[in-house]
Amino acid sequence: NNWFAEGLIKPNKPIKSISHPGQPGVGHQWSYLPDAARTMVTLMEMREQLPAFETFHMAGHWDYDGAQMIQAIQRAVVRHGGRMPKVTAFPWWVMPVASLFNETVKEMREMRYLWQLPVRMDNAKLSALLGEEPLTPLDTAIEATLQGLGCIGQPVSDKGHAFADASSLRGEREAR
């Protein structure tokens, strides 16, 4: 599960609205899953040269005001002939009750604080090691993700691509 597909949009449906989980003006960090996978594979290939339990952060895409991701989704929808999606506030008010019946909602609720303050990880250590972090341009990544999720154009696969945000990646690590 990730915030892009579970919180912002509804997979397998044309996008008419985008749910914004953050507060206006609060920055957030996103990572395109294929970029994260390329980074992990590269690090795995270098594992013999690295100390055990080394930690590297990806910078991914920094959405400095919380609106850049939403605007990229809107651009992709319009480019594919859809109407400009409206932006709505994420329904945090329903989460306490819904979390009693749904594990994903419970995890989303637990991560709310990450939408109330800027979340930005420094990739200096990763960049020093790799030379540069794989980074697909935001609009390209959004378009591929929306196609993969069946929201625009033809899906590129059954599961498609997913955008993950720093908080969902952190939550997945903590769950392990």
N, C-alpha and C. Protein backbone atom coordinates (compact mmCIF):
# COMPACT_ATOMS: atom_id res chain seq x y z
N ASN A 1 0.84 -1.19 0.00
CA ASN A 1 0.00 0.00 0.00
C ASN A 1 0.88 1.23 0.00
N ASN A 2 0.38 2.27 -0.62
CA ASN A 2 1.13 3.52 -0.61
C ASN A 2 0.16 4.69 -0.66
N TRP A 3 0.64 5.84 -0.29
CA TRP A 3 -0.22 7.02 -0.21
C TRP A 3 -0.76 7.45 -1.56
N PHE A 4 0.02 7.29 -2.61
CA PHE A 4 -0.43 7.73 -3.92
C PHE A 4 -1.72 7.00 -4.31
N ALA A 5 -1.71 5.69 -4.25
CA ALA A 5 -2.86 4.90 -4.69
C ALA A 5 -3.92 4.73 -3.61
N GLU A 6 -3.55 4.86 -2.37
CA GLU A 6 -4.51 4.65 -1.29
C GLU A 6 -5.10 5.96 -0.76
N GLY A 7 -4.39 7.07 -0.98
CA GLY A 7 -4.84 8.31 -0.40
C GLY A 7 -5.19 9.40 -1.38
N LEU A 8 -4.38 9.56 -2.44
CA LEU A 8 -4.58 10.68 -3.35
C LEU A 8 -5.63 10.41 -4.43
N ILE A 9 -5.56 9.24 -5.03
CA ILE A 9 -6.46 8.92 -6.15
C ILE A 9 -7.11 7.56 -5.93
N LYS A 10 -8.03 7.20 -6.80
CA LYS A 10 -8.68 5.89 -6.75
C LYS A 10 -8.23 5.10 -7.98
N PRO A 11 -7.48 4.00 -7.77
CA PRO A 11 -7.03 3.21 -8.91
C PRO A 11 -8.19 2.67 -9.75
N ASN A 12 -7.90 2.45 -11.03
CA ASN A 12 -8.84 1.86 -11.98
C ASN A 12 -10.08 2.70 -12.23
N LYS A 13 -9.97 3.99 -12.01
CA LYS A 13 -11.08 4.91 -12.27
C LYS A 13 -10.51 6.20 -12.85
N PRO A 14 -11.26 6.85 -13.74
CA PRO A 14 -10.82 8.17 -14.20
C PRO A 14 -10.72 9.11 -12.98
N ILE A 15 -9.75 9.97 -13.01
CA ILE A 15 -9.53 10.86 -11.86
C ILE A 15 -10.39 12.10 -12.01
N LYS A 16 -11.34 12.24 -11.12
CA LYS A 16 -12.20 13.41 -11.08
C LYS A 16 -11.82 14.33 -9.93
N SER A 17 -11.22 13.72 -8.90
CA SER A 17 -10.75 14.51 -7.76
C SER A 17 -9.49 13.88 -7.19
N ILE A 18 -8.72 14.71 -6.53
CA ILE A 18 -7.49 14.28 -5.88
C ILE A 18 -7.61 14.66 -4.42
N SER A 19 -7.41 13.70 -3.56
CA SER A 19 -7.50 13.94 -2.13
C SER A 19 -6.13 14.34 -1.61
N HIS A 20 -6.04 15.49 -1.00
CA HIS A 20 -4.77 16.01 -0.49
C HIS A 20 -4.67 15.73 1.01
N PRO A 21 -3.74 14.83 1.43
CA PRO A 21 -3.63 14.49 2.84
C PRO A 21 -2.86 15.50 3.67
N GLY A 22 -2.09 16.37 3.02
CA GLY A 22 -1.25 17.31 3.75
C GLY A 22 -1.93 18.63 4.03
N GLN A 23 -1.21 19.44 4.77
CA GLN A 23 -1.67 20.79 5.04
C GLN A 23 -1.07 21.72 3.99
N PRO A 24 -1.83 22.70 3.53
CA PRO A 24 -1.30 23.63 2.52
C PRO A 24 0.03 24.25 2.97
N GLY A 25 0.99 24.24 2.06
CA GLY A 25 2.28 24.84 2.34
C GLY A 25 3.29 23.92 2.99
N VAL A 26 2.88 22.72 3.39
CA VAL A 26 3.80 21.78 4.05
C VAL A 26 4.40 20.86 2.99
N GLY A 27 5.73 20.85 2.89
CA GLY A 27 6.42 20.04 1.91
C GLY A 27 6.36 18.56 2.21
N HIS A 28 6.56 17.76 1.16
CA HIS A 28 6.55 16.31 1.30
C HIS A 28 7.50 15.70 0.26
N GLN A 29 8.03 14.57 0.56
CA GLN A 29 8.97 13.89 -0.31
C GLN A 29 8.33 12.63 -0.88
N TRP A 30 8.56 12.43 -2.18
CA TRP A 30 8.00 11.26 -2.87
C TRP A 30 9.12 10.53 -3.60
N SER A 31 8.98 9.22 -3.72
CA SER A 31 9.93 8.45 -4.50
C SER A 31 9.17 7.59 -5.49
N TYR A 32 9.57 7.63 -6.73
CA TYR A 32 8.99 6.80 -7.78
C TYR A 32 9.55 5.39 -7.60
N LEU A 33 8.68 4.41 -7.46
CA LEU A 33 9.10 3.07 -7.11
C LEU A 33 10.17 2.49 -8.05
N PRO A 34 10.06 2.64 -9.38
CA PRO A 34 11.16 2.15 -10.22
C PRO A 34 12.50 2.82 -9.92
N ASP A 35 12.50 4.09 -9.53
CA ASP A 35 13.76 4.74 -9.14
C ASP A 35 14.29 4.12 -7.85
N ALA A 36 13.40 3.89 -6.89
CA ALA A 36 13.81 3.25 -5.64
C ALA A 36 14.35 1.84 -5.90
N ALA A 37 13.69 1.11 -6.79
CA ALA A 37 14.14 -0.25 -7.12
C ALA A 37 15.52 -0.23 -7.77
N ARG A 38 15.73 0.70 -8.72
CA ARG A 38 17.04 0.81 -9.36
C ARG A 38 18.12 1.12 -8.32
N THR A 39 17.79 1.99 -7.39
CA THR A 39 18.74 2.34 -6.34
C THR A 39 19.06 1.13 -5.47
N MET A 40 18.04 0.39 -5.08
CA MET A 40 18.26 -0.78 -4.23
C MET A 40 19.08 -1.85 -4.95
N VAL A 41 18.80 -2.08 -6.23
CA VAL A 41 19.56 -3.07 -6.99
C VAL A 41 21.02 -2.65 -7.08
N THR A 42 21.27 -1.38 -7.35
CA THR A 42 22.64 -0.90 -7.43
C THR A 42 23.36 -1.09 -6.09
N LEU A 43 22.68 -0.77 -4.99
CA LEU A 43 23.29 -0.95 -3.67
C LEU A 43 23.52 -2.43 -3.37
N MET A 44 22.59 -3.28 -3.79
CA MET A 44 22.76 -4.73 -3.58
C MET A 44 23.98 -5.23 -4.35
N GLU A 45 24.19 -4.71 -5.53
CA GLU A 45 25.35 -5.12 -6.33
C GLU A 45 26.66 -4.68 -5.68
N MET A 46 26.59 -3.67 -4.82
CA MET A 46 27.78 -3.14 -4.14
C MET A 46 27.89 -3.65 -2.70
N ARG A 47 27.02 -4.53 -2.30
CA ARG A 47 26.91 -4.89 -0.88
C ARG A 47 28.21 -5.40 -0.26
N GLU A 48 29.07 -6.05 -1.03
CA GLU A 48 30.33 -6.55 -0.48
C GLU A 48 31.27 -5.41 -0.09
N GLN A 49 31.09 -4.25 -0.69
CA GLN A 49 31.95 -3.11 -0.43
C GLN A 49 31.42 -2.22 0.69
N LEU A 50 30.19 -2.49 1.15
CA LEU A 50 29.54 -1.63 2.14
C LEU A 50 29.57 -2.25 3.52
N PRO A 51 29.62 -1.40 4.55
CA PRO A 51 29.52 -1.91 5.92
C PRO A 51 28.14 -2.54 6.14
N ALA A 52 28.08 -3.48 7.07
CA ALA A 52 26.80 -4.10 7.41
C ALA A 52 25.87 -3.03 7.98
N PHE A 53 24.61 -3.11 7.65
CA PHE A 53 23.57 -2.23 8.19
C PHE A 53 23.77 -0.75 7.83
N GLU A 54 24.31 -0.51 6.66
CA GLU A 54 24.50 0.86 6.18
C GLU A 54 23.13 1.46 5.85
N THR A 55 22.99 2.76 6.04
CA THR A 55 21.74 3.45 5.75
C THR A 55 21.96 4.51 4.68
N PHE A 56 21.08 4.50 3.67
CA PHE A 56 21.12 5.50 2.62
C PHE A 56 19.72 6.06 2.43
N HIS A 57 19.62 7.36 2.27
CA HIS A 57 18.33 7.99 2.01
C HIS A 57 18.28 8.47 0.56
N MET A 58 17.09 8.36 -0.01
CA MET A 58 16.86 8.91 -1.34
C MET A 58 16.20 10.28 -1.18
N ALA A 59 16.52 11.18 -2.08
CA ALA A 59 15.86 12.49 -2.08
C ALA A 59 14.54 12.40 -2.83
N GLY A 60 14.50 11.60 -3.90
CA GLY A 60 13.28 11.49 -4.68
C GLY A 60 12.84 12.85 -5.18
N HIS A 61 11.56 13.06 -5.19
CA HIS A 61 10.97 14.33 -5.62
C HIS A 61 10.55 15.11 -4.38
N TRP A 62 11.07 16.30 -4.24
CA TRP A 62 10.70 17.16 -3.12
C TRP A 62 9.57 18.07 -3.56
N ASP A 63 8.43 17.91 -2.95
CA ASP A 63 7.24 18.72 -3.20
C ASP A 63 7.26 19.82 -2.13
N TYR A 64 7.87 20.94 -2.46
CA TYR A 64 8.19 21.97 -1.47
C TYR A 64 6.97 22.59 -0.78
N ASP A 65 5.82 22.57 -1.42
CA ASP A 65 4.65 23.19 -0.79
C ASP A 65 3.45 22.25 -0.68
N GLY A 66 3.66 20.99 -1.01
CA GLY A 66 2.58 20.02 -0.93
C GLY A 66 1.64 20.04 -2.11
N ALA A 67 1.86 20.95 -3.07
CA ALA A 67 0.96 21.07 -4.22
C ALA A 67 1.55 20.54 -5.52
N GLN A 68 2.86 20.31 -5.55
CA GLN A 68 3.52 19.92 -6.80
C GLN A 68 3.04 18.56 -7.29
N MET A 69 2.87 17.59 -6.40
CA MET A 69 2.39 16.27 -6.79
C MET A 69 0.97 16.37 -7.35
N ILE A 70 0.13 17.11 -6.67
CA ILE A 70 -1.26 17.29 -7.10
C ILE A 70 -1.31 17.93 -8.49
N GLN A 71 -0.51 18.97 -8.69
CA GLN A 71 -0.50 19.65 -9.98
C GLN A 71 0.02 18.73 -11.09
N ALA A 72 0.98 17.87 -10.78
CA ALA A 72 1.49 16.92 -11.78
C ALA A 72 0.41 15.91 -12.16
N ILE A 73 -0.37 15.47 -11.20
CA ILE A 73 -1.49 14.56 -11.49
C ILE A 73 -2.50 15.28 -12.38
N GLN A 74 -2.82 16.52 -12.03
CA GLN A 74 -3.78 17.29 -12.83
C GLN A 74 -3.28 17.44 -14.27
N ARG A 75 -2.00 17.77 -14.44
CA ARG A 75 -1.44 17.93 -15.79
C ARG A 75 -1.56 16.64 -16.59
N ALA A 76 -1.27 15.50 -15.97
CA ALA A 76 -1.34 14.22 -16.67
C ALA A 76 -2.76 13.90 -17.09
N VAL A 77 -3.71 14.15 -16.22
CA VAL A 77 -5.12 13.89 -16.55
C VAL A 77 -5.55 14.74 -17.73
N VAL A 78 -5.23 16.01 -17.70
CA VAL A 78 -5.61 16.93 -18.78
C VAL A 78 -4.90 16.54 -20.08
N ARG A 79 -3.62 16.17 -20.01
CA ARG A 79 -2.88 15.73 -21.20
C ARG A 79 -3.53 14.53 -21.86
N HIS A 80 -4.21 13.72 -21.07
CA HIS A 80 -4.86 12.51 -21.59
C HIS A 80 -6.35 12.75 -21.87
N GLY A 81 -6.73 14.01 -21.99
CA GLY A 81 -8.08 14.34 -22.41
C GLY A 81 -9.12 14.43 -21.31
N GLY A 82 -8.70 14.29 -20.07
CA GLY A 82 -9.65 14.39 -18.96
C GLY A 82 -9.86 15.83 -18.52
N ARG A 83 -10.87 16.02 -17.71
CA ARG A 83 -11.12 17.35 -17.13
C ARG A 83 -10.20 17.56 -15.94
N MET A 84 -9.91 18.81 -15.69
CA MET A 84 -9.05 19.17 -14.56
C MET A 84 -9.66 18.61 -13.26
N PRO A 85 -8.95 17.69 -12.58
CA PRO A 85 -9.50 17.15 -11.33
C PRO A 85 -9.52 18.22 -10.23
N LYS A 86 -10.56 18.19 -9.43
CA LYS A 86 -10.62 19.10 -8.30
C LYS A 86 -9.79 18.51 -7.16
N VAL A 87 -9.41 19.35 -6.24
CA VAL A 87 -8.61 18.93 -5.10
C VAL A 87 -9.49 19.02 -3.86
N THR A 88 -9.51 17.94 -3.11
CA THR A 88 -10.28 17.90 -1.87
C THR A 88 -9.35 17.58 -0.71
N ALA A 89 -9.75 17.94 0.47
CA ALA A 89 -8.97 17.60 1.66
C ALA A 89 -9.17 16.11 1.96
N PHE A 90 -8.11 15.46 2.37
CA PHE A 90 -8.20 14.06 2.76
C PHE A 90 -9.14 13.96 3.96
N PRO A 91 -10.03 12.95 3.99
CA PRO A 91 -11.02 12.86 5.07
C PRO A 91 -10.45 12.28 6.37
N TRP A 92 -9.56 13.03 6.99
CA TRP A 92 -8.97 12.55 8.25
C TRP A 92 -10.02 12.32 9.32
N TRP A 93 -11.12 13.05 9.27
CA TRP A 93 -12.15 12.96 10.29
C TRP A 93 -12.78 11.56 10.36
N VAL A 94 -12.77 10.82 9.25
CA VAL A 94 -13.39 9.49 9.24
C VAL A 94 -12.41 8.39 9.66
N MET A 95 -11.15 8.69 9.71
CA MET A 95 -10.12 7.69 9.97
C MET A 95 -10.22 6.99 11.32
N PRO A 96 -10.55 7.67 12.42
CA PRO A 96 -10.62 6.94 13.69
C PRO A 96 -11.60 5.76 13.66
N VAL A 97 -12.75 5.94 13.08
CA VAL A 97 -13.73 4.85 13.02
C VAL A 97 -13.32 3.82 11.97
N ALA A 98 -12.93 4.28 10.78
CA ALA A 98 -12.55 3.37 9.70
C ALA A 98 -11.34 2.52 10.08
N SER A 99 -10.44 3.06 10.89
CA SER A 99 -9.24 2.31 11.27
C SER A 99 -9.55 1.10 12.14
N LEU A 100 -10.73 1.07 12.74
CA LEU A 100 -11.14 -0.09 13.54
C LEU A 100 -11.41 -1.30 12.66
N PHE A 101 -11.70 -1.07 11.38
CA PHE A 101 -12.10 -2.14 10.48
C PHE A 101 -11.13 -2.40 9.33
N ASN A 102 -10.13 -1.55 9.19
CA ASN A 102 -9.25 -1.66 8.03
C ASN A 102 -7.81 -1.37 8.45
N GLU A 103 -6.92 -2.35 8.25
CA GLU A 103 -5.53 -2.22 8.66
C GLU A 103 -4.81 -1.11 7.90
N THR A 104 -5.09 -0.97 6.60
CA THR A 104 -4.43 0.09 5.82
C THR A 104 -4.81 1.45 6.37
N VAL A 105 -6.07 1.65 6.67
CA VAL A 105 -6.54 2.92 7.21
C VAL A 105 -5.88 3.18 8.57
N LYS A 106 -5.74 2.13 9.37
CA LYS A 106 -5.08 2.27 10.67
C LYS A 106 -3.65 2.76 10.49
N GLU A 107 -2.93 2.16 9.51
CA GLU A 107 -1.55 2.57 9.26
C GLU A 107 -1.49 4.00 8.72
N MET A 108 -2.44 4.36 7.86
CA MET A 108 -2.48 5.72 7.33
C MET A 108 -2.69 6.72 8.46
N ARG A 109 -3.56 6.39 9.36
CA ARG A 109 -3.85 7.28 10.49
C ARG A 109 -2.61 7.46 11.37
N GLU A 110 -1.87 6.37 11.58
CA GLU A 110 -0.67 6.43 12.40
C GLU A 110 0.40 7.32 11.77
N MET A 111 0.37 7.47 10.46
CA MET A 111 1.37 8.26 9.75
C MET A 111 0.93 9.70 9.49
N ARG A 112 -0.20 10.10 10.01
CA ARG A 112 -0.72 11.44 9.75
C ARG A 112 0.27 12.54 10.11
N TYR A 113 0.99 12.35 11.20
CA TYR A 113 1.92 13.40 11.63
C TYR A 113 2.94 13.74 10.54
N LEU A 114 3.23 12.79 9.64
CA LEU A 114 4.18 13.04 8.57
C LEU A 114 3.60 13.95 7.48
N TRP A 115 2.30 14.20 7.54
CA TRP A 115 1.66 15.13 6.61
C TRP A 115 1.46 16.50 7.25
N GLN A 116 1.80 16.60 8.53
CA GLN A 116 1.61 17.85 9.25
C GLN A 116 2.91 18.65 9.40
N LEU A 117 4.02 18.04 9.01
CA LEU A 117 5.30 18.72 9.07
C LEU A 117 6.12 18.28 7.85
N PRO A 118 7.07 19.11 7.42
CA PRO A 118 7.86 18.74 6.25
C PRO A 118 8.68 17.47 6.50
N VAL A 119 8.71 16.61 5.53
CA VAL A 119 9.50 15.38 5.60
C VAL A 119 10.48 15.42 4.42
N ARG A 120 11.76 15.51 4.75
CA ARG A 120 12.75 15.55 3.68
C ARG A 120 14.03 14.86 4.13
N MET A 121 14.40 13.81 3.42
CA MET A 121 15.62 13.07 3.74
C MET A 121 16.76 13.54 2.83
N ASP A 122 17.95 13.53 3.38
CA ASP A 122 19.14 14.00 2.67
C ASP A 122 19.80 12.81 1.95
N ASN A 123 20.02 12.96 0.65
CA ASN A 123 20.62 11.87 -0.13
C ASN A 123 22.11 12.07 -0.39
N ALA A 124 22.77 12.96 0.36
CA ALA A 124 24.18 13.26 0.11
C ALA A 124 25.05 12.01 0.17
N LYS A 125 24.81 11.15 1.14
CA LYS A 125 25.60 9.93 1.29
C LYS A 125 25.38 8.99 0.10
N LEU A 126 24.13 8.85 -0.33
CA LEU A 126 23.81 8.01 -1.48
C LEU A 126 24.43 8.57 -2.75
N SER A 127 24.30 9.87 -2.95
CA SER A 127 24.86 10.51 -4.14
C SER A 127 26.38 10.42 -4.17
N ALA A 128 27.01 10.54 -3.01
CA ALA A 128 28.47 10.41 -2.95
C ALA A 128 28.91 9.01 -3.37
N LEU A 129 28.12 8.01 -3.01
CA LEU A 129 28.46 6.64 -3.36
C LEU A 129 28.15 6.31 -4.82
N LEU A 130 26.94 6.69 -5.27
CA LEU A 130 26.50 6.31 -6.61
C LEU A 130 26.85 7.33 -7.70
N GLY A 131 27.18 8.52 -7.30
CA GLY A 131 27.41 9.58 -8.28
C GLY A 131 26.15 10.41 -8.46
N GLU A 132 25.03 9.75 -8.60
CA GLU A 132 23.74 10.43 -8.63
C GLU A 132 22.64 9.42 -8.33
N GLU A 133 21.55 9.91 -7.83
CA GLU A 133 20.38 9.09 -7.51
C GLU A 133 19.52 8.96 -8.77
N PRO A 134 19.05 7.75 -9.10
CA PRO A 134 18.11 7.64 -10.22
C PRO A 134 16.88 8.51 -9.94
N LEU A 135 16.51 9.33 -10.91
CA LEU A 135 15.37 10.23 -10.71
C LEU A 135 14.64 10.45 -12.03
N THR A 136 13.53 9.77 -12.19
CA THR A 136 12.67 9.96 -13.35
C THR A 136 11.98 11.31 -13.22
N PRO A 137 11.90 12.11 -14.29
CA PRO A 137 11.20 13.39 -14.19
C PRO A 137 9.78 13.19 -13.63
N LEU A 138 9.36 14.12 -12.80
CA LEU A 138 8.09 13.99 -12.09
C LEU A 138 6.92 13.72 -13.03
N ASP A 139 6.76 14.52 -14.09
CA ASP A 139 5.62 14.32 -14.98
C ASP A 139 5.65 12.96 -15.67
N THR A 140 6.82 12.48 -16.03
CA THR A 140 6.96 11.16 -16.65
C THR A 140 6.56 10.07 -15.66
N ALA A 141 7.04 10.20 -14.42
CA ALA A 141 6.73 9.22 -13.38
C ALA A 141 5.24 9.21 -13.06
N ILE A 142 4.64 10.38 -12.97
CA ILE A 142 3.21 10.47 -12.66
C ILE A 142 2.39 9.84 -13.78
N GLU A 143 2.72 10.15 -15.00
CA GLU A 143 1.97 9.60 -16.13
C GLU A 143 2.05 8.08 -16.16
N ALA A 144 3.26 7.53 -15.99
CA ALA A 144 3.42 6.08 -15.97
C ALA A 144 2.66 5.45 -14.81
N THR A 145 2.69 6.11 -13.66
CA THR A 145 1.98 5.59 -12.49
C THR A 145 0.47 5.58 -12.73
N LEU A 146 -0.05 6.68 -13.24
CA LEU A 146 -1.50 6.75 -13.50
C LEU A 146 -1.93 5.75 -14.57
N GLN A 147 -1.09 5.53 -15.57
CA GLN A 147 -1.40 4.51 -16.58
C GLN A 147 -1.39 3.13 -15.94
N GLY A 148 -0.38 2.87 -15.13
CA GLY A 148 -0.27 1.58 -14.46
C GLY A 148 -1.40 1.30 -13.50
N LEU A 149 -1.94 2.35 -12.92
CA LEU A 149 -3.06 2.20 -11.97
C LEU A 149 -4.41 2.23 -12.68
N GLY A 150 -4.40 2.31 -14.01
CA GLY A 150 -5.64 2.26 -14.78
C GLY A 150 -6.46 3.53 -14.70
N CYS A 151 -5.83 4.66 -14.46
CA CYS A 151 -6.56 5.93 -14.34
C CYS A 151 -6.54 6.75 -15.62
N ILE A 152 -5.51 6.58 -16.44
CA ILE A 152 -5.42 7.27 -17.73
C ILE A 152 -4.87 6.28 -18.75
N GLY A 153 -5.22 6.46 -20.01
CA GLY A 153 -4.67 5.62 -21.06
C GLY A 153 -4.85 4.15 -20.78
N GLN A 154 -4.00 3.35 -21.34
CA GLN A 154 -4.04 1.91 -21.13
C GLN A 154 -3.09 1.53 -20.01
N PRO A 155 -3.50 0.66 -19.11
CA PRO A 155 -2.58 0.21 -18.06
C PRO A 155 -1.36 -0.46 -18.69
N VAL A 156 -0.18 -0.21 -18.12
CA VAL A 156 1.03 -0.82 -18.64
C VAL A 156 1.22 -2.24 -18.10
N SER A 157 0.51 -2.59 -17.04
CA SER A 157 0.54 -3.94 -16.49
C SER A 157 -0.62 -4.09 -15.53
N ASP A 158 -0.83 -5.29 -15.02
CA ASP A 158 -1.92 -5.52 -14.07
C ASP A 158 -1.69 -4.75 -12.77
N LYS A 159 -0.46 -4.75 -12.26
CA LYS A 159 -0.18 -4.08 -11.01
C LYS A 159 0.24 -2.65 -11.21
N GLY A 160 0.82 -2.36 -12.34
CA GLY A 160 1.21 -0.99 -12.66
C GLY A 160 2.37 -0.51 -11.82
N HIS A 161 2.61 0.76 -11.92
CA HIS A 161 3.67 1.39 -11.16
C HIS A 161 3.05 2.06 -9.96
N ALA A 162 3.86 2.32 -8.99
CA ALA A 162 3.33 3.00 -7.82
C ALA A 162 4.30 4.08 -7.40
N PHE A 163 3.76 5.17 -6.98
CA PHE A 163 4.55 6.21 -6.35
C PHE A 163 4.46 5.93 -4.87
N ALA A 164 5.55 6.02 -4.20
CA ALA A 164 5.55 5.85 -2.77
C ALA A 164 6.07 7.14 -2.17
N ASP A 165 5.54 7.49 -1.04
CA ASP A 165 6.08 8.68 -0.40
C ASP A 165 6.99 8.23 0.73
N ALA A 166 7.76 9.13 1.22
CA ALA A 166 8.73 8.78 2.26
C ALA A 166 8.05 8.16 3.47
N SER A 167 6.86 8.62 3.83
CA SER A 167 6.20 8.08 5.02
C SER A 167 5.74 6.65 4.80
N SER A 168 5.28 6.29 3.60
CA SER A 168 4.86 4.91 3.38
C SER A 168 6.06 3.99 3.32
N LEU A 169 7.19 4.44 2.76
CA LEU A 169 8.39 3.62 2.76
C LEU A 169 8.88 3.40 4.19
N ARG A 170 8.80 4.45 5.01
CA ARG A 170 9.21 4.34 6.40
C ARG A 170 8.30 3.36 7.13
N GLY A 171 7.00 3.44 6.89
CA GLY A 171 6.04 2.56 7.52
C GLY A 171 6.27 1.10 7.14
N GLU A 172 6.63 0.85 5.88
CA GLU A 172 6.91 -0.52 5.44
C GLU A 172 8.14 -1.06 6.15
N ARG A 173 9.17 -0.22 6.32
CA ARG A 173 10.37 -0.66 7.04
C ARG A 173 10.03 -0.97 8.48
N GLU A 174 9.21 -0.13 9.12
CA GLU A 174 8.87 -0.35 10.53
C GLU A 174 8.02 -1.60 10.72
N ALA A 175 7.23 -1.95 9.70
CA ALA A 175 6.37 -3.11 9.82
C ALA A 175 7.16 -4.41 9.76
N ARG A 176 8.36 -4.35 9.19
CA ARG A 176 9.17 -5.57 9.04
C ARG A 176 9.84 -5.96 10.31
